[in-house]
Amino acid sequence: MIENEDVGLHVMIVRVVDIRAKSMIFLDSFDDYTFLNVEVQRFHSTQDPGPSSGRIILGRARIPSPKLFYHEVVGSFSLIKSEGNTKVHIIVAMRLERINNIPYWYPFIAHS
């Protein structure tokens, strides 16, 4: 259990290691976020013409979120696909941080 403090904003930083993509997920209450649900999609694939939108779901994963602040957790997770026997893995690094200065562009907090 993470000790709850009223100071600052909690954010989980997620980095996909293979493609060097990085994202921040702002958490209202980090006790509610025990898993990160990931869906990996491919866009405009010439190999799989598929649907008219050109979007194909490669798989989904449910990744446990880190429990300690400022400790990066790295792991390889299997993606579950509803059809096909293709084994796909994603390597994800996650870190839970506390931000004291709330960004001005954060839409859910009224700034004074």
N, C-alpha and C. Protein backbone atom coordinates (compact mmCIF):
# COMPACT_ATOMS: atom_id res chain seq x y z
N MET A 1 0.84 -1.18 0.00
CA MET A 1 0.00 0.00 0.00
C MET A 1 0.89 1.24 0.00
N ILE A 2 0.57 2.17 -0.84
CA ILE A 2 1.33 3.40 -0.94
C ILE A 2 0.78 4.40 0.05
N GLU A 3 1.67 5.06 0.75
CA GLU A 3 1.23 6.04 1.73
C GLU A 3 0.64 7.25 1.01
N ASN A 4 -0.55 7.63 1.38
CA ASN A 4 -1.26 8.71 0.71
C ASN A 4 -0.85 10.05 1.31
N GLU A 5 -0.45 10.98 0.45
CA GLU A 5 -0.12 12.33 0.88
C GLU A 5 -0.98 13.29 0.08
N ASP A 6 -1.44 14.35 0.71
CA ASP A 6 -2.30 15.31 0.05
C ASP A 6 -1.53 16.33 -0.79
N VAL A 7 -0.21 16.30 -0.73
CA VAL A 7 0.60 17.29 -1.42
C VAL A 7 0.94 16.78 -2.82
N GLY A 8 0.72 17.63 -3.83
CA GLY A 8 1.17 17.32 -5.17
C GLY A 8 0.21 16.48 -5.97
N LEU A 9 0.66 16.13 -7.14
CA LEU A 9 -0.10 15.36 -8.10
C LEU A 9 0.67 14.09 -8.40
N HIS A 10 -0.01 12.98 -8.53
CA HIS A 10 0.66 11.72 -8.78
C HIS A 10 0.58 11.40 -10.27
N VAL A 11 1.67 10.92 -10.80
CA VAL A 11 1.75 10.63 -12.22
C VAL A 11 2.52 9.33 -12.41
N MET A 12 2.07 8.51 -13.35
CA MET A 12 2.79 7.30 -13.70
C MET A 12 3.41 7.55 -15.07
N ILE A 13 4.71 7.41 -15.17
CA ILE A 13 5.41 7.62 -16.43
C ILE A 13 5.62 6.25 -17.06
N VAL A 14 5.10 6.07 -18.27
CA VAL A 14 5.16 4.79 -18.97
C VAL A 14 6.03 4.98 -20.20
N ARG A 15 6.99 4.08 -20.38
CA ARG A 15 7.89 4.15 -21.53
C ARG A 15 7.91 2.79 -22.21
N VAL A 16 7.61 2.77 -23.53
CA VAL A 16 7.73 1.54 -24.31
C VAL A 16 9.17 1.48 -24.78
N VAL A 17 9.89 0.46 -24.33
CA VAL A 17 11.34 0.42 -24.51
C VAL A 17 11.72 0.24 -25.97
N ASP A 18 11.01 -0.61 -26.72
CA ASP A 18 11.40 -0.93 -28.09
C ASP A 18 11.36 0.27 -29.02
N ILE A 19 10.37 1.14 -28.87
CA ILE A 19 10.21 2.25 -29.81
C ILE A 19 10.51 3.60 -29.18
N ARG A 20 10.99 3.59 -27.96
CA ARG A 20 11.38 4.80 -27.24
C ARG A 20 10.23 5.82 -27.12
N ALA A 21 9.02 5.34 -27.01
CA ALA A 21 7.87 6.23 -26.80
C ALA A 21 7.68 6.42 -25.31
N LYS A 22 7.29 7.62 -24.91
CA LYS A 22 7.12 7.93 -23.49
C LYS A 22 5.81 8.66 -23.30
N SER A 23 5.11 8.34 -22.23
CA SER A 23 3.82 8.96 -21.95
C SER A 23 3.66 9.16 -20.45
N MET A 24 2.87 10.17 -20.08
CA MET A 24 2.56 10.43 -18.67
C MET A 24 1.06 10.21 -18.46
N ILE A 25 0.72 9.50 -17.41
CA ILE A 25 -0.67 9.27 -17.05
C ILE A 25 -0.90 9.91 -15.70
N PHE A 26 -1.77 10.91 -15.65
CA PHE A 26 -2.07 11.60 -14.40
C PHE A 26 -3.09 10.79 -13.61
N LEU A 27 -2.82 10.58 -12.33
CA LEU A 27 -3.67 9.76 -11.47
C LEU A 27 -4.35 10.63 -10.44
N ASP A 28 -5.66 10.51 -10.34
CA ASP A 28 -6.39 11.24 -9.31
C ASP A 28 -6.17 10.61 -7.94
N SER A 29 -6.27 9.30 -7.90
CA SER A 29 -6.03 8.54 -6.67
C SER A 29 -5.29 7.28 -7.06
N PHE A 30 -4.01 7.19 -6.73
CA PHE A 30 -3.21 6.07 -7.21
C PHE A 30 -3.57 4.75 -6.56
N ASP A 31 -4.35 4.75 -5.49
CA ASP A 31 -4.79 3.50 -4.88
C ASP A 31 -5.76 2.75 -5.80
N ASP A 32 -6.43 3.49 -6.71
CA ASP A 32 -7.39 2.87 -7.62
C ASP A 32 -6.72 2.25 -8.84
N TYR A 33 -5.45 2.57 -9.08
CA TYR A 33 -4.77 2.11 -10.29
C TYR A 33 -3.78 1.02 -9.94
N THR A 34 -4.23 -0.22 -9.95
CA THR A 34 -3.33 -1.33 -9.66
C THR A 34 -2.81 -1.98 -10.93
N PHE A 35 -3.49 -1.73 -12.06
CA PHE A 35 -3.07 -2.29 -13.34
C PHE A 35 -3.12 -1.21 -14.41
N LEU A 36 -2.27 -1.36 -15.41
CA LEU A 36 -2.30 -0.52 -16.60
C LEU A 36 -2.78 -1.42 -17.73
N ASN A 37 -3.93 -1.11 -18.30
CA ASN A 37 -4.47 -1.88 -19.42
C ASN A 37 -3.93 -1.29 -20.71
N VAL A 38 -3.22 -2.13 -21.49
CA VAL A 38 -2.55 -1.69 -22.71
C VAL A 38 -3.17 -2.39 -23.91
N GLU A 39 -3.41 -1.62 -24.96
CA GLU A 39 -3.86 -2.18 -26.23
C GLU A 39 -2.90 -1.70 -27.31
N VAL A 40 -2.27 -2.62 -28.02
CA VAL A 40 -1.31 -2.28 -29.06
C VAL A 40 -2.02 -2.41 -30.41
N GLN A 41 -1.95 -1.33 -31.20
CA GLN A 41 -2.62 -1.29 -32.50
C GLN A 41 -1.61 -0.99 -33.60
N ARG A 42 -1.91 -1.48 -34.81
CA ARG A 42 -1.12 -1.15 -35.99
C ARG A 42 -2.02 -0.37 -36.93
N PHE A 43 -1.49 0.72 -37.47
CA PHE A 43 -2.27 1.58 -38.35
C PHE A 43 -1.76 1.48 -39.78
N HIS A 44 -2.68 1.51 -40.73
CA HIS A 44 -2.37 1.56 -42.16
C HIS A 44 -1.39 0.47 -42.57
N SER A 45 -1.72 -0.77 -42.24
CA SER A 45 -0.87 -1.90 -42.56
C SER A 45 -1.16 -2.38 -43.98
N THR A 46 -0.11 -2.55 -44.78
CA THR A 46 -0.29 -3.10 -46.13
C THR A 46 -0.32 -4.62 -46.08
N GLN A 47 0.21 -5.23 -45.01
CA GLN A 47 0.20 -6.68 -44.87
C GLN A 47 -1.18 -7.19 -44.51
N ASP A 48 -1.90 -6.47 -43.69
CA ASP A 48 -3.24 -6.85 -43.25
C ASP A 48 -4.22 -5.78 -43.70
N PRO A 49 -4.85 -5.93 -44.87
CA PRO A 49 -5.77 -4.89 -45.32
C PRO A 49 -6.93 -4.68 -44.35
N GLY A 50 -7.45 -5.77 -43.78
CA GLY A 50 -8.44 -5.73 -42.70
C GLY A 50 -9.56 -4.74 -42.88
N PRO A 51 -9.93 -4.05 -41.81
CA PRO A 51 -11.08 -3.14 -41.85
C PRO A 51 -10.76 -1.87 -42.64
N SER A 52 -11.81 -1.15 -42.97
CA SER A 52 -11.64 0.06 -43.78
C SER A 52 -10.89 1.15 -43.03
N SER A 53 -10.90 1.11 -41.70
CA SER A 53 -10.16 2.13 -40.94
C SER A 53 -8.66 1.89 -40.99
N GLY A 54 -8.24 0.68 -41.37
CA GLY A 54 -6.82 0.37 -41.43
C GLY A 54 -6.18 0.14 -40.08
N ARG A 55 -7.00 -0.05 -39.07
CA ARG A 55 -6.50 -0.23 -37.70
C ARG A 55 -6.66 -1.69 -37.30
N ILE A 56 -5.57 -2.30 -36.84
CA ILE A 56 -5.58 -3.71 -36.45
C ILE A 56 -5.07 -3.80 -35.02
N ILE A 57 -5.79 -4.53 -34.17
CA ILE A 57 -5.37 -4.73 -32.78
C ILE A 57 -4.40 -5.90 -32.74
N LEU A 58 -3.16 -5.63 -32.32
CA LEU A 58 -2.16 -6.68 -32.22
C LEU A 58 -2.32 -7.48 -30.94
N GLY A 59 -2.85 -6.87 -29.90
CA GLY A 59 -3.06 -7.59 -28.66
C GLY A 59 -3.28 -6.65 -27.50
N ARG A 60 -3.65 -7.26 -26.38
CA ARG A 60 -3.91 -6.49 -25.15
C ARG A 60 -3.13 -7.13 -24.00
N ALA A 61 -2.79 -6.29 -23.03
CA ALA A 61 -2.08 -6.78 -21.84
C ALA A 61 -2.56 -6.01 -20.62
N ARG A 62 -2.51 -6.66 -19.49
CA ARG A 62 -2.83 -6.03 -18.20
C ARG A 62 -1.56 -6.08 -17.36
N ILE A 63 -0.96 -4.90 -17.18
CA ILE A 63 0.36 -4.80 -16.56
C ILE A 63 0.22 -4.23 -15.15
N PRO A 64 0.78 -4.90 -14.13
CA PRO A 64 0.69 -4.36 -12.77
C PRO A 64 1.47 -3.06 -12.65
N SER A 65 0.87 -2.08 -12.00
CA SER A 65 1.53 -0.78 -11.84
C SER A 65 2.52 -0.83 -10.68
N PRO A 66 3.54 0.03 -10.73
CA PRO A 66 4.54 0.05 -9.65
C PRO A 66 3.92 0.51 -8.33
N LYS A 67 4.48 0.03 -7.23
CA LYS A 67 3.96 0.35 -5.90
C LYS A 67 4.83 1.34 -5.14
N LEU A 68 6.05 1.55 -5.58
CA LEU A 68 6.98 2.45 -4.90
C LEU A 68 7.26 3.66 -5.77
N PHE A 69 7.38 4.81 -5.14
CA PHE A 69 7.70 6.03 -5.87
C PHE A 69 9.16 6.02 -6.33
N TYR A 70 9.39 6.54 -7.54
CA TYR A 70 10.72 6.79 -8.10
C TYR A 70 11.55 5.54 -8.32
N HIS A 71 10.92 4.37 -8.40
CA HIS A 71 11.61 3.13 -8.75
C HIS A 71 11.06 2.67 -10.09
N GLU A 72 11.95 2.58 -11.09
CA GLU A 72 11.50 2.16 -12.42
C GLU A 72 11.37 0.64 -12.46
N VAL A 73 10.24 0.18 -12.97
CA VAL A 73 9.96 -1.23 -13.12
C VAL A 73 9.95 -1.53 -14.62
N VAL A 74 10.77 -2.49 -15.06
CA VAL A 74 10.86 -2.85 -16.47
C VAL A 74 10.47 -4.31 -16.60
N GLY A 75 9.67 -4.62 -17.62
CA GLY A 75 9.27 -6.00 -17.83
C GLY A 75 8.79 -6.25 -19.24
N SER A 76 8.83 -7.52 -19.63
CA SER A 76 8.32 -7.96 -20.92
C SER A 76 6.98 -8.64 -20.67
N PHE A 77 5.95 -8.22 -21.40
CA PHE A 77 4.61 -8.73 -21.17
C PHE A 77 4.04 -9.29 -22.46
N SER A 78 3.39 -10.44 -22.36
CA SER A 78 2.76 -11.06 -23.52
C SER A 78 1.45 -10.36 -23.83
N LEU A 79 1.20 -10.16 -25.11
CA LEU A 79 -0.07 -9.58 -25.53
C LEU A 79 -1.03 -10.70 -25.87
N ILE A 80 -2.25 -10.58 -25.41
CA ILE A 80 -3.28 -11.57 -25.68
C ILE A 80 -4.09 -11.09 -26.87
N LYS A 81 -4.20 -11.96 -27.88
CA LYS A 81 -4.96 -11.61 -29.07
C LYS A 81 -6.15 -12.56 -29.16
N SER A 82 -7.29 -12.03 -29.57
CA SER A 82 -8.50 -12.85 -29.61
C SER A 82 -8.43 -13.93 -30.68
N GLU A 83 -7.64 -13.73 -31.72
CA GLU A 83 -7.53 -14.73 -32.78
C GLU A 83 -6.08 -14.86 -33.21
N GLY A 84 -5.74 -16.02 -33.71
CA GLY A 84 -4.38 -16.23 -34.19
C GLY A 84 -3.46 -16.72 -33.10
N ASN A 85 -2.36 -17.34 -33.53
CA ASN A 85 -1.38 -17.89 -32.60
C ASN A 85 -0.10 -17.08 -32.55
N THR A 86 -0.12 -15.88 -33.08
CA THR A 86 1.07 -15.04 -33.08
C THR A 86 1.40 -14.61 -31.66
N LYS A 87 2.66 -14.84 -31.27
CA LYS A 87 3.08 -14.43 -29.93
C LYS A 87 3.76 -13.07 -30.04
N VAL A 88 3.18 -12.10 -29.38
CA VAL A 88 3.69 -10.74 -29.40
C VAL A 88 3.99 -10.33 -27.96
N HIS A 89 5.14 -9.70 -27.78
CA HIS A 89 5.54 -9.20 -26.46
C HIS A 89 5.78 -7.71 -26.55
N ILE A 90 5.58 -7.03 -25.45
CA ILE A 90 5.88 -5.61 -25.36
C ILE A 90 6.76 -5.41 -24.13
N ILE A 91 7.78 -4.59 -24.28
CA ILE A 91 8.66 -4.28 -23.15
C ILE A 91 8.30 -2.88 -22.66
N VAL A 92 7.90 -2.80 -21.39
CA VAL A 92 7.41 -1.55 -20.83
C VAL A 92 8.21 -1.22 -19.57
N ALA A 93 8.54 0.05 -19.42
CA ALA A 93 9.17 0.56 -18.20
C ALA A 93 8.21 1.56 -17.57
N MET A 94 7.96 1.44 -16.27
CA MET A 94 7.03 2.34 -15.58
C MET A 94 7.67 2.89 -14.32
N ARG A 95 7.30 4.13 -14.00
CA ARG A 95 7.81 4.78 -12.79
C ARG A 95 6.69 5.65 -12.23
N LEU A 96 6.46 5.56 -10.93
CA LEU A 96 5.46 6.36 -10.25
C LEU A 96 6.15 7.55 -9.61
N GLU A 97 5.66 8.76 -9.90
CA GLU A 97 6.28 9.97 -9.37
C GLU A 97 5.23 10.88 -8.75
N ARG A 98 5.72 11.79 -7.92
CA ARG A 98 4.87 12.81 -7.31
C ARG A 98 5.34 14.16 -7.83
N ILE A 99 4.42 14.94 -8.40
CA ILE A 99 4.75 16.25 -8.95
C ILE A 99 4.19 17.30 -8.00
N ASN A 100 5.05 18.17 -7.49
CA ASN A 100 4.59 19.21 -6.57
C ASN A 100 4.06 20.43 -7.30
N ASN A 101 4.68 20.80 -8.41
CA ASN A 101 4.21 21.93 -9.21
C ASN A 101 3.29 21.39 -10.30
N ILE A 102 2.01 21.64 -10.16
CA ILE A 102 1.02 21.12 -11.10
C ILE A 102 1.15 21.89 -12.41
N PRO A 103 1.26 21.18 -13.54
CA PRO A 103 1.40 21.86 -14.83
C PRO A 103 0.18 22.72 -15.14
N TYR A 104 0.41 23.88 -15.77
CA TYR A 104 -0.69 24.80 -16.08
C TYR A 104 -1.67 24.20 -17.07
N TRP A 105 -1.22 23.23 -17.87
CA TRP A 105 -2.10 22.63 -18.87
C TRP A 105 -2.88 21.44 -18.35
N TYR A 106 -2.70 21.08 -17.07
CA TYR A 106 -3.44 19.95 -16.52
C TYR A 106 -4.90 20.34 -16.41
N PRO A 107 -5.81 19.71 -17.16
CA PRO A 107 -7.18 20.21 -17.31
C PRO A 107 -8.12 19.97 -16.14
N PHE A 108 -7.78 19.09 -15.22
CA PHE A 108 -8.75 18.70 -14.20
C PHE A 108 -8.61 19.46 -12.89
N ILE A 109 -7.68 20.38 -12.82
CA ILE A 109 -7.45 21.11 -11.57
C ILE A 109 -7.67 22.59 -11.81
N ALA A 110 -8.44 23.20 -10.95
CA ALA A 110 -8.66 24.65 -11.04
C ALA A 110 -7.46 25.35 -10.44
N HIS A 111 -6.86 26.24 -11.21
CA HIS A 111 -5.68 26.97 -10.74
C HIS A 111 -6.10 28.27 -10.09
N SER A 112 -5.41 28.64 -9.04
CA SER A 112 -5.74 29.90 -8.36
C SER A 112 -4.87 31.03 -8.85
